[in-house]
Amino acid sequence: MHPALIISSFCELKSKEVVNLCNGCLLGCISDIEFNVCTGEIISIILPGNGILASLSSKNRICIPWRDIERIGKDAVLVRFNAPEKKE
């Protein structure tokens, strides 16, 4: 874990907006985290997808691996994330 990525609580983390450094897009706010129950390490952060009912469905959610997080700042989380291509 990067020393700059220390957070005190999930509530603090989920109040931050996520910005993709690859394209400058605002991806949204963190809605959940995925962690390894054996080690307690965070595996990924999860953002809801787009749309009105996005928070109710896991279909379009964005899962960003912890290794793709560059910085966690006071107001935002900066990530380098190349989203997989959507299949039509």
N, C-alpha and C. Protein backbone atom coordinates (compact mmCIF):
# COMPACT_ATOMS: atom_id res chain seq x y z
N MET A 1 0.84 -1.18 0.00
CA MET A 1 0.00 0.00 0.00
C MET A 1 0.88 1.24 0.00
N HIS A 2 0.53 2.21 -0.83
CA HIS A 2 1.26 3.46 -0.88
C HIS A 2 1.05 4.23 0.42
N PRO A 3 2.11 4.81 1.00
CA PRO A 3 1.93 5.58 2.23
C PRO A 3 0.98 6.76 2.03
N ALA A 4 0.92 7.33 0.83
CA ALA A 4 0.05 8.48 0.58
C ALA A 4 -1.42 8.06 0.48
N LEU A 5 -1.69 6.77 0.48
CA LEU A 5 -3.06 6.30 0.30
C LEU A 5 -3.70 5.83 1.60
N ILE A 6 -3.23 6.33 2.73
CA ILE A 6 -3.80 5.92 4.00
C ILE A 6 -5.08 6.72 4.25
N ILE A 7 -6.15 6.01 4.58
CA ILE A 7 -7.42 6.65 4.86
C ILE A 7 -7.87 6.23 6.25
N SER A 8 -8.72 7.04 6.86
CA SER A 8 -9.13 6.71 8.21
C SER A 8 -10.43 5.91 8.27
N SER A 9 -11.32 6.09 7.28
CA SER A 9 -12.58 5.35 7.31
C SER A 9 -13.19 5.27 5.92
N PHE A 10 -14.10 4.32 5.76
CA PHE A 10 -14.82 4.19 4.50
C PHE A 10 -15.71 5.40 4.26
N CYS A 11 -16.30 5.94 5.32
CA CYS A 11 -17.15 7.13 5.18
C CYS A 11 -16.35 8.29 4.59
N GLU A 12 -15.10 8.44 5.02
CA GLU A 12 -14.24 9.49 4.48
C GLU A 12 -13.95 9.23 3.00
N LEU A 13 -13.69 7.99 2.65
CA LEU A 13 -13.36 7.63 1.27
C LEU A 13 -14.55 7.82 0.34
N LYS A 14 -15.74 7.41 0.77
CA LYS A 14 -16.89 7.45 -0.14
C LYS A 14 -17.42 8.86 -0.39
N SER A 15 -16.94 9.83 0.37
CA SER A 15 -17.38 11.21 0.12
C SER A 15 -16.53 11.90 -0.94
N LYS A 16 -15.52 11.22 -1.47
CA LYS A 16 -14.61 11.82 -2.44
C LYS A 16 -15.01 11.46 -3.88
N GLU A 17 -14.82 12.43 -4.79
CA GLU A 17 -15.06 12.18 -6.21
C GLU A 17 -13.84 11.50 -6.80
N VAL A 18 -14.06 10.67 -7.82
CA VAL A 18 -12.98 9.95 -8.48
C VAL A 18 -12.74 10.57 -9.86
N VAL A 19 -11.49 10.94 -10.13
CA VAL A 19 -11.11 11.55 -11.40
C VAL A 19 -10.10 10.64 -12.09
N ASN A 20 -10.37 10.36 -13.37
CA ASN A 20 -9.48 9.52 -14.16
C ASN A 20 -8.39 10.39 -14.80
N LEU A 21 -7.14 10.15 -14.45
CA LEU A 21 -6.03 10.93 -15.00
C LEU A 21 -5.75 10.60 -16.47
N CYS A 22 -6.25 9.48 -16.96
CA CYS A 22 -6.02 9.10 -18.36
C CYS A 22 -6.77 10.01 -19.33
N ASN A 23 -7.98 10.45 -18.92
CA ASN A 23 -8.78 11.28 -19.83
C ASN A 23 -9.40 12.50 -19.16
N GLY A 24 -9.14 12.70 -17.89
CA GLY A 24 -9.66 13.86 -17.17
C GLY A 24 -11.12 13.77 -16.78
N CYS A 25 -11.75 12.63 -17.00
CA CYS A 25 -13.18 12.47 -16.71
C CYS A 25 -13.45 12.30 -15.22
N LEU A 26 -14.53 12.89 -14.79
CA LEU A 26 -15.04 12.67 -13.44
C LEU A 26 -15.88 11.40 -13.50
N LEU A 27 -15.50 10.39 -12.75
CA LEU A 27 -16.17 9.09 -12.81
C LEU A 27 -17.32 8.98 -11.83
N GLY A 28 -17.33 9.80 -10.80
CA GLY A 28 -18.39 9.74 -9.78
C GLY A 28 -17.79 9.54 -8.41
N CYS A 29 -18.64 9.24 -7.46
CA CYS A 29 -18.20 9.01 -6.08
C CYS A 29 -18.18 7.51 -5.77
N ILE A 30 -17.34 7.13 -4.87
CA ILE A 30 -17.20 5.73 -4.48
C ILE A 30 -18.47 5.28 -3.75
N SER A 31 -19.00 4.13 -4.16
CA SER A 31 -20.20 3.62 -3.51
C SER A 31 -19.91 2.40 -2.65
N ASP A 32 -18.79 1.72 -2.92
CA ASP A 32 -18.48 0.50 -2.18
C ASP A 32 -17.00 0.18 -2.35
N ILE A 33 -16.52 -0.76 -1.58
CA ILE A 33 -15.16 -1.27 -1.74
C ILE A 33 -15.21 -2.80 -1.74
N GLU A 34 -14.22 -3.39 -2.36
CA GLU A 34 -14.07 -4.84 -2.36
C GLU A 34 -12.77 -5.12 -1.61
N PHE A 35 -12.81 -6.05 -0.67
CA PHE A 35 -11.60 -6.33 0.09
C PHE A 35 -11.41 -7.82 0.29
N ASN A 36 -10.18 -8.18 0.56
CA ASN A 36 -9.81 -9.56 0.82
C ASN A 36 -10.11 -9.86 2.28
N VAL A 37 -11.01 -10.79 2.56
CA VAL A 37 -11.41 -11.07 3.93
C VAL A 37 -10.30 -11.72 4.75
N CYS A 38 -9.37 -12.38 4.08
CA CYS A 38 -8.26 -13.03 4.80
C CYS A 38 -7.20 -12.03 5.25
N THR A 39 -6.89 -11.07 4.38
CA THR A 39 -5.81 -10.13 4.69
C THR A 39 -6.31 -8.77 5.14
N GLY A 40 -7.58 -8.46 4.83
CA GLY A 40 -8.13 -7.15 5.15
C GLY A 40 -7.73 -6.06 4.18
N GLU A 41 -7.02 -6.40 3.11
CA GLU A 41 -6.57 -5.41 2.13
C GLU A 41 -7.70 -5.05 1.17
N ILE A 42 -7.72 -3.79 0.78
CA ILE A 42 -8.70 -3.34 -0.21
C ILE A 42 -8.23 -3.82 -1.59
N ILE A 43 -9.13 -4.44 -2.34
CA ILE A 43 -8.82 -4.95 -3.68
C ILE A 43 -9.21 -3.92 -4.73
N SER A 44 -10.39 -3.30 -4.56
CA SER A 44 -10.85 -2.33 -5.54
C SER A 44 -11.88 -1.39 -4.92
N ILE A 45 -12.05 -0.25 -5.61
CA ILE A 45 -13.12 0.67 -5.25
C ILE A 45 -14.21 0.51 -6.32
N ILE A 46 -15.44 0.70 -5.91
CA ILE A 46 -16.57 0.48 -6.82
C ILE A 46 -17.38 1.76 -6.92
N LEU A 47 -17.68 2.13 -8.16
CA LEU A 47 -18.49 3.31 -8.44
C LEU A 47 -19.75 2.85 -9.16
N PRO A 48 -20.89 3.51 -8.89
CA PRO A 48 -22.10 3.12 -9.61
C PRO A 48 -21.95 3.51 -11.08
N GLY A 49 -22.64 2.83 -11.94
CA GLY A 49 -22.63 3.16 -13.36
C GLY A 49 -23.45 4.40 -13.63
N ASN A 50 -23.71 4.65 -14.90
CA ASN A 50 -24.51 5.81 -15.29
C ASN A 50 -25.99 5.48 -15.28
N GLY A 51 -26.80 6.49 -15.15
CA GLY A 51 -28.25 6.31 -15.22
C GLY A 51 -28.93 6.55 -13.89
N ILE A 52 -30.23 6.70 -13.96
CA ILE A 52 -31.04 7.03 -12.78
C ILE A 52 -31.01 5.90 -11.75
N LEU A 53 -31.10 4.67 -12.20
CA LEU A 53 -31.15 3.53 -11.28
C LEU A 53 -29.81 2.83 -11.15
N ALA A 54 -28.73 3.51 -11.46
CA ALA A 54 -27.40 2.90 -11.46
C ALA A 54 -27.01 2.33 -10.11
N SER A 55 -27.38 3.00 -9.03
CA SER A 55 -26.99 2.53 -7.71
C SER A 55 -27.72 1.25 -7.31
N LEU A 56 -28.79 0.91 -8.01
CA LEU A 56 -29.54 -0.30 -7.69
C LEU A 56 -29.08 -1.52 -8.48
N SER A 57 -28.23 -1.31 -9.46
CA SER A 57 -27.79 -2.41 -10.33
C SER A 57 -26.28 -2.52 -10.34
N SER A 58 -25.79 -3.75 -10.37
CA SER A 58 -24.35 -3.96 -10.46
C SER A 58 -23.91 -4.13 -11.91
N LYS A 59 -24.87 -4.08 -12.83
CA LYS A 59 -24.59 -4.32 -14.24
C LYS A 59 -23.58 -3.33 -14.83
N ASN A 60 -23.76 -2.05 -14.59
CA ASN A 60 -22.91 -1.03 -15.19
C ASN A 60 -21.90 -0.42 -14.23
N ARG A 61 -21.71 -1.05 -13.08
CA ARG A 61 -20.80 -0.46 -12.11
C ARG A 61 -19.37 -0.45 -12.62
N ILE A 62 -18.59 0.47 -12.08
CA ILE A 62 -17.19 0.61 -12.45
C ILE A 62 -16.36 0.09 -11.28
N CYS A 63 -15.51 -0.89 -11.56
CA CYS A 63 -14.66 -1.50 -10.54
C CYS A 63 -13.21 -1.09 -10.85
N ILE A 64 -12.61 -0.31 -9.98
CA ILE A 64 -11.25 0.18 -10.22
C ILE A 64 -10.30 -0.50 -9.24
N PRO A 65 -9.33 -1.26 -9.77
CA PRO A 65 -8.37 -1.94 -8.88
C PRO A 65 -7.60 -0.95 -8.02
N TRP A 66 -7.32 -1.33 -6.79
CA TRP A 66 -6.60 -0.48 -5.85
C TRP A 66 -5.25 -0.04 -6.42
N ARG A 67 -4.61 -0.90 -7.21
CA ARG A 67 -3.30 -0.56 -7.78
C ARG A 67 -3.38 0.60 -8.78
N ASP A 68 -4.58 0.90 -9.28
CA ASP A 68 -4.76 1.99 -10.24
C ASP A 68 -4.97 3.35 -9.57
N ILE A 69 -5.03 3.36 -8.23
CA ILE A 69 -5.19 4.62 -7.52
C ILE A 69 -3.82 5.29 -7.41
N GLU A 70 -3.75 6.54 -7.88
CA GLU A 70 -2.51 7.31 -7.82
C GLU A 70 -2.40 8.10 -6.52
N ARG A 71 -3.48 8.78 -6.15
CA ARG A 71 -3.48 9.62 -4.96
C ARG A 71 -4.89 9.72 -4.38
N ILE A 72 -4.95 9.80 -3.07
CA ILE A 72 -6.18 10.12 -2.39
C ILE A 72 -5.95 11.47 -1.73
N GLY A 73 -6.65 12.48 -2.23
CA GLY A 73 -6.49 13.82 -1.71
C GLY A 73 -7.61 14.20 -0.78
N LYS A 74 -7.60 15.45 -0.36
CA LYS A 74 -8.62 15.96 0.56
C LYS A 74 -10.02 15.90 -0.06
N ASP A 75 -10.10 16.21 -1.37
CA ASP A 75 -11.41 16.28 -2.03
C ASP A 75 -11.66 15.22 -3.09
N ALA A 76 -10.60 14.58 -3.58
CA ALA A 76 -10.77 13.66 -4.71
C ALA A 76 -9.80 12.50 -4.65
N VAL A 77 -10.16 11.46 -5.40
CA VAL A 77 -9.29 10.29 -5.60
C VAL A 77 -8.87 10.32 -7.06
N LEU A 78 -7.56 10.31 -7.30
CA LEU A 78 -7.03 10.33 -8.67
C LEU A 78 -6.63 8.91 -9.05
N VAL A 79 -7.14 8.46 -10.20
CA VAL A 79 -6.86 7.10 -10.67
C VAL A 79 -6.33 7.13 -12.10
N ARG A 80 -5.58 6.12 -12.46
CA ARG A 80 -5.18 5.89 -13.85
C ARG A 80 -5.89 4.60 -14.24
N PHE A 81 -7.01 4.78 -14.95
CA PHE A 81 -7.89 3.64 -15.22
C PHE A 81 -8.29 3.63 -16.68
N ASN A 82 -7.96 2.55 -17.35
CA ASN A 82 -8.40 2.35 -18.74
C ASN A 82 -9.59 1.41 -18.69
N ALA A 83 -10.77 1.98 -18.87
CA ALA A 83 -12.00 1.21 -18.80
C ALA A 83 -12.04 0.21 -19.95
N PRO A 84 -12.52 -1.01 -19.69
CA PRO A 84 -12.68 -1.98 -20.76
C PRO A 84 -13.67 -1.48 -21.80
N GLU A 85 -13.44 -1.84 -23.04
CA GLU A 85 -14.36 -1.45 -24.12
C GLU A 85 -15.71 -2.09 -23.91
N LYS A 86 -16.77 -1.31 -24.13
CA LYS A 86 -18.14 -1.84 -23.99
C LYS A 86 -18.49 -2.60 -25.26
N LYS A 87 -19.06 -3.78 -25.08
CA LYS A 87 -19.50 -4.59 -26.23
C LYS A 87 -20.94 -4.21 -26.57
N GLU A 88 -21.16 -3.89 -27.81
CA GLU A 88 -22.50 -3.50 -28.27
C GLU A 88 -23.33 -4.71 -28.56
